[in-house]
Amino acid sequence: MIGLVLAAGAGRRLRPYTDTLPKALVPVDGETTIMDISLRNLAAAGLTDVTIVVGYCAGAVEERQAGFERKYGVKISLVHNDKAEEWNNAYSLWLARDHFAQGALMVNGDTVHPVSVEETLLAQRGPGILLAVDNVKKLADEEMKTIFSDDGRLTRITKLMDPAEAFGEYIGANIIEAAVAGELADCLQATWERDPDLYYEDGFQEFANRGGEVRAATIGQVDWVEVDNHDDLAKARGIACRY
């Protein structure tokens, strides 16, 4: 199993920080970036081979690659998304299909969370895809919301859902087991070919619709944040220093 980080997006709502940097390289604790936290967590969870999907300002990640490898004791492979500023992240994850074929613990490159999330996922591994889900947080319109059946399988994952109907929020961390990687790759391809503006979570929905097993690992009372804008960044800086 590898670690996998999606870090291709432009993060326009975080300008001017992202004028010359991808969102994953925005500092959240002194010089510590979101990427530092992602790599530190993956390494602490025992994953020393890490793939990073890069796109916008990819050169900034390339310049830091060797330093990241030394600092966290990992071997990094970069996958380049040449459509990162045009298409959404279903395509980004599909580009990494040869890498997650080994199985992957994947994290979004804009999510700040403690290593307990990775530990929870690894402790609850199953036969398909396992999503880290926050079922404590009060939900609103922007969150990636989930519903699961009585037997624990994903039935719906989307932002376009009444928060009152949702079980919880998918926080941008998951495990893809090697046994389902090929089918997931097919689902992701079908997703971005249908509409390149779709999310990889829409690929997870396609996988579930085809009978694939997607389950939830609830993370408990955990301080975390998806960094989309300056308010999120302020929150990230308030919690990252405590990890």
Protein backbone atom coordinates (compact mmCIF):
# COMPACT_ATOMS: atom_id res chain seq x y z
CA MET A 1 0.00 0.00 0.00
CA ILE A 2 1.14 3.51 -0.83
CA GLY A 3 0.28 6.96 0.42
CA LEU A 4 -1.44 9.16 -2.14
CA VAL A 5 -1.92 12.94 -2.03
CA LEU A 6 -4.08 14.91 -4.48
CA ALA A 7 -2.45 18.32 -4.77
CA ALA A 8 -3.11 19.55 -8.31
CA GLY A 9 -5.66 22.29 -7.68
CA ALA A 10 -5.10 26.01 -8.01
CA GLY A 11 -6.80 27.18 -4.81
CA ARG A 12 -7.87 30.51 -6.27
CA ARG A 13 -9.83 31.48 -3.15
CA LEU A 14 -6.55 31.52 -1.21
CA ARG A 15 -4.84 34.21 -3.28
CA PRO A 16 -2.38 35.87 -2.90
CA TYR A 17 -0.81 32.80 -1.19
CA THR A 18 -1.62 30.69 -4.23
CA ASP A 19 -0.39 33.16 -6.82
CA THR A 20 2.85 31.17 -7.00
CA LEU A 21 2.13 28.08 -4.88
CA PRO A 22 -0.35 25.21 -5.01
CA LYS A 23 -2.75 25.16 -2.09
CA ALA A 24 -0.95 22.21 -0.51
CA LEU A 25 2.18 24.34 0.01
CA VAL A 26 0.45 27.13 1.91
CA PRO A 27 1.96 27.35 5.44
CA VAL A 28 -0.33 26.56 8.37
CA ASP A 29 2.12 26.39 11.29
CA GLY A 30 5.26 28.50 10.90
CA GLU A 31 6.96 27.06 7.83
CA THR A 32 4.94 23.83 8.06
CA THR A 33 2.64 23.49 5.05
CA ILE A 34 -0.48 21.42 4.47
CA MET A 35 1.73 19.06 2.45
CA ASP A 36 4.09 18.68 5.41
CA ILE A 37 1.21 17.53 7.57
CA SER A 38 -0.01 15.09 4.92
CA LEU A 39 3.44 13.54 4.49
CA ARG A 40 4.12 13.48 8.22
CA ASN A 41 0.86 11.65 8.85
CA LEU A 42 1.40 9.11 6.08
CA ALA A 43 4.94 8.40 7.28
CA ALA A 44 3.77 8.05 10.89
CA ALA A 45 1.19 5.53 9.66
CA GLY A 46 3.99 3.45 8.13
CA LEU A 47 3.55 4.44 4.47
CA THR A 48 6.94 5.26 3.00
CA ASP A 49 6.07 5.22 -0.73
CA VAL A 50 4.00 8.28 -1.53
CA THR A 51 2.52 9.45 -4.83
CA ILE A 52 1.56 13.10 -5.21
CA VAL A 53 -0.66 14.25 -8.06
CA VAL A 54 0.52 17.73 -9.04
CA GLY A 55 -0.75 20.26 -11.56
CA TYR A 56 -0.99 23.97 -10.77
CA CYS A 57 2.48 25.34 -9.90
CA ALA A 58 3.84 21.79 -9.98
CA GLY A 59 7.39 23.14 -10.07
CA ALA A 60 7.07 24.35 -6.48
CA VAL A 61 6.44 20.75 -5.34
CA GLU A 62 9.25 19.45 -7.54
CA GLU A 63 11.65 21.91 -5.90
CA ARG A 64 10.76 20.60 -2.45
CA GLN A 65 10.54 16.92 -3.32
CA ALA A 66 14.04 15.94 -2.17
CA GLY A 67 13.65 17.92 1.05
CA PHE A 68 10.33 16.25 1.81
CA GLU A 69 11.85 12.84 1.18
CA ARG A 70 14.71 13.50 3.60
CA LYS A 71 12.54 15.08 6.26
CA TYR A 72 9.86 12.39 6.38
CA GLY A 73 11.79 9.31 5.25
CA VAL A 74 9.55 8.72 2.26
CA LYS A 75 10.07 8.05 -1.45
CA ILE A 76 7.91 10.39 -3.54
CA SER A 77 6.62 9.82 -7.05
CA LEU A 78 4.96 12.71 -8.88
CA VAL A 79 2.05 12.32 -11.30
CA HIS A 80 1.44 15.38 -13.48
CA ASN A 81 -2.07 16.56 -14.29
CA ASP A 82 -1.86 18.86 -17.30
CA LYS A 83 -5.57 19.70 -17.04
CA ALA A 84 -5.58 20.68 -13.36
CA GLU A 85 -6.75 24.21 -14.07
CA GLU A 86 -9.48 23.08 -16.48
CA TRP A 87 -10.92 19.83 -15.08
CA ASN A 88 -11.96 18.64 -11.65
CA ASN A 89 -10.32 16.00 -9.49
CA ALA A 90 -12.02 12.84 -10.81
CA TYR A 91 -9.44 13.11 -13.58
CA SER A 92 -6.62 13.75 -11.08
CA LEU A 93 -7.32 10.54 -9.18
CA TRP A 94 -7.73 8.56 -12.40
CA LEU A 95 -4.27 9.69 -13.51
CA ALA A 96 -2.84 7.95 -10.43
CA ARG A 97 -4.51 4.61 -11.30
CA ASP A 98 -1.24 2.74 -11.89
CA HIS A 99 -0.11 3.85 -8.44
CA PHE A 100 -3.24 3.10 -6.41
CA ALA A 101 -3.34 -0.31 -8.11
CA GLN A 102 -1.12 -1.34 -5.17
CA GLY A 103 -3.74 -0.10 -2.75
CA ALA A 104 -3.56 3.40 -1.30
CA LEU A 105 -4.31 5.52 1.70
CA MET A 106 -5.32 8.73 -0.01
CA VAL A 107 -5.63 12.24 1.41
CA ASN A 108 -6.73 15.47 -0.20
CA GLY A 109 -3.89 17.97 -0.39
CA ASP A 110 -6.01 20.69 1.19
CA THR A 111 -7.12 18.90 4.37
CA VAL A 112 -5.49 19.48 7.75
CA HIS A 113 -6.15 16.65 10.18
CA PRO A 114 -4.26 14.64 12.83
CA VAL A 115 -2.69 11.23 12.20
CA SER A 116 -5.52 9.62 14.17
CA VAL A 117 -7.52 9.76 10.92
CA GLU A 118 -4.98 7.58 9.11
CA GLU A 119 -4.80 5.25 12.11
CA THR A 120 -8.59 4.89 12.17
CA LEU A 121 -8.69 4.04 8.47
CA LEU A 122 -5.92 1.45 8.74
CA ALA A 123 -7.56 -0.18 11.76
CA GLN A 124 -10.87 -0.65 9.90
CA ARG A 125 -9.68 -1.83 6.49
CA GLY A 126 -12.14 -3.89 4.51
CA PRO A 127 -12.58 -5.35 1.03
CA GLY A 128 -13.40 -2.18 -0.92
CA ILE A 129 -13.13 1.56 -0.29
CA LEU A 130 -13.18 3.01 3.22
CA LEU A 131 -14.07 6.67 3.76
CA ALA A 132 -13.09 8.76 6.78
CA VAL A 133 -16.38 10.34 7.87
CA ASP A 134 -17.11 13.01 10.46
CA ASN A 135 -20.58 12.25 11.86
CA VAL A 136 -20.20 14.74 14.72
CA LYS A 137 -19.89 18.04 12.85
CA LYS A 138 -23.02 20.06 12.07
CA LEU A 139 -23.42 20.07 8.30
CA ALA A 140 -24.30 22.83 5.85
CA ASP A 141 -24.50 23.12 2.06
CA GLU A 142 -20.81 23.05 1.09
CA GLU A 143 -19.79 19.77 2.77
CA MET A 144 -19.33 16.47 0.91
CA LYS A 145 -22.19 14.59 2.56
CA THR A 146 -22.80 10.85 2.77
CA ILE A 147 -25.62 8.36 3.31
CA PHE A 148 -25.11 4.66 4.07
CA SER A 149 -27.54 1.75 3.97
CA ASP A 150 -28.59 -0.24 7.02
CA ASP A 151 -25.81 -2.73 6.27
CA GLY A 152 -23.20 0.07 6.14
CA ARG A 153 -22.68 0.45 2.40
CA LEU A 154 -22.52 3.84 0.70
CA THR A 155 -25.71 4.79 -1.11
CA ARG A 156 -25.02 8.46 -1.79
CA ILE A 157 -22.10 10.89 -1.65
CA THR A 158 -22.59 14.47 -2.83
CA LYS A 159 -22.60 18.08 -1.74
CA LEU A 160 -26.10 18.39 -3.22
CA MET A 161 -27.99 16.88 -0.33
CA ASP A 162 -30.18 18.14 2.48
CA PRO A 163 -27.82 18.17 5.49
CA ALA A 164 -30.64 16.74 7.62
CA GLU A 165 -30.59 13.56 5.50
CA ALA A 166 -26.85 12.96 5.77
CA PHE A 167 -25.01 10.53 8.02
CA GLY A 168 -21.89 12.69 8.05
CA GLU A 169 -19.22 14.48 6.04
CA TYR A 170 -16.53 12.71 4.06
CA ILE A 171 -13.36 14.54 5.13
CA GLY A 172 -11.07 13.83 2.19
CA ALA A 173 -9.18 10.74 3.38
CA ASN A 174 -9.81 7.15 2.33
CA ILE A 175 -8.36 3.72 1.70
CA ILE A 176 -8.59 2.15 -1.76
CA GLU A 177 -7.87 -1.57 -1.55
CA ALA A 178 -5.80 -3.08 -4.36
CA ALA A 179 -8.50 -5.64 -5.17
CA VAL A 180 -10.93 -2.92 -6.29
CA ALA A 181 -8.45 -0.49 -7.85
CA GLY A 182 -9.07 -1.58 -11.43
CA GLU A 183 -12.84 -1.26 -11.12
CA LEU A 184 -12.48 2.13 -9.44
CA ALA A 185 -10.22 3.31 -12.28
CA ASP A 186 -12.94 2.33 -14.76
CA CYS A 187 -15.53 4.22 -12.70
CA LEU A 188 -13.36 7.32 -12.51
CA GLN A 189 -12.81 7.25 -16.27
CA ALA A 190 -16.54 6.93 -16.89
CA THR A 191 -17.05 9.87 -14.51
CA TRP A 192 -14.64 12.35 -16.06
CA GLU A 193 -15.59 11.31 -19.58
CA ARG A 194 -19.23 12.05 -18.71
CA ASP A 195 -18.31 15.45 -17.29
CA PRO A 196 -14.71 16.56 -16.61
CA ASP A 197 -15.98 18.95 -13.93
CA LEU A 198 -17.05 16.09 -11.64
CA TYR A 199 -15.35 15.14 -8.37
CA TYR A 200 -13.62 11.85 -7.64
CA GLU A 201 -16.38 11.32 -5.09
CA ASP A 202 -18.69 11.05 -8.09
CA GLY A 203 -16.42 8.20 -9.17
CA PHE A 204 -16.95 6.60 -5.76
CA GLN A 205 -20.70 6.98 -6.35
CA GLU A 206 -20.37 5.26 -9.71
CA PHE A 207 -18.39 2.47 -8.04
CA ALA A 208 -21.12 2.04 -5.40
CA ASN A 209 -23.83 2.14 -8.08
CA ARG A 210 -22.12 -0.76 -9.82
CA GLY A 211 -22.23 -2.79 -6.62
CA GLY A 212 -18.81 -1.89 -5.23
CA GLU A 213 -18.40 -1.81 -1.47
CA VAL A 214 -17.79 1.62 0.04
CA ARG A 215 -18.01 1.94 3.83
CA ALA A 216 -17.43 4.57 6.50
CA ALA A 217 -14.84 4.81 9.26
CA THR A 218 -16.06 7.46 11.69
CA ILE A 219 -13.25 9.62 13.04
CA GLY A 220 -14.83 10.75 16.30
CA GLN A 221 -14.35 14.17 17.86
CA VAL A 222 -11.40 15.41 15.79
CA ASP A 223 -10.28 18.94 14.94
CA TRP A 224 -9.79 19.12 11.18
CA VAL A 225 -10.51 21.48 8.31
CA GLU A 226 -10.64 21.51 4.52
CA VAL A 227 -8.78 24.66 3.49
CA ASP A 228 -10.74 26.34 0.71
CA ASN A 229 -10.63 30.02 1.70
CA HIS A 230 -9.02 32.46 4.10
CA ASP A 231 -11.42 31.66 6.94
CA ASP A 232 -10.51 27.98 6.60
CA LEU A 233 -6.83 28.89 6.58
CA ALA A 234 -7.20 30.80 9.83
CA LYS A 235 -8.89 27.77 11.37
CA ALA A 236 -6.14 25.48 10.06
CA ARG A 237 -3.50 27.67 11.65
CA GLY A 238 -5.36 27.49 14.93
CA ILE A 239 -5.42 23.70 15.02
CA ALA A 240 -2.26 22.63 13.14
CA CYS A 241 0.01 23.92 15.90
CA ARG A 242 -1.60 21.41 18.29
CA TYR A 243 -0.79 18.29 16.25
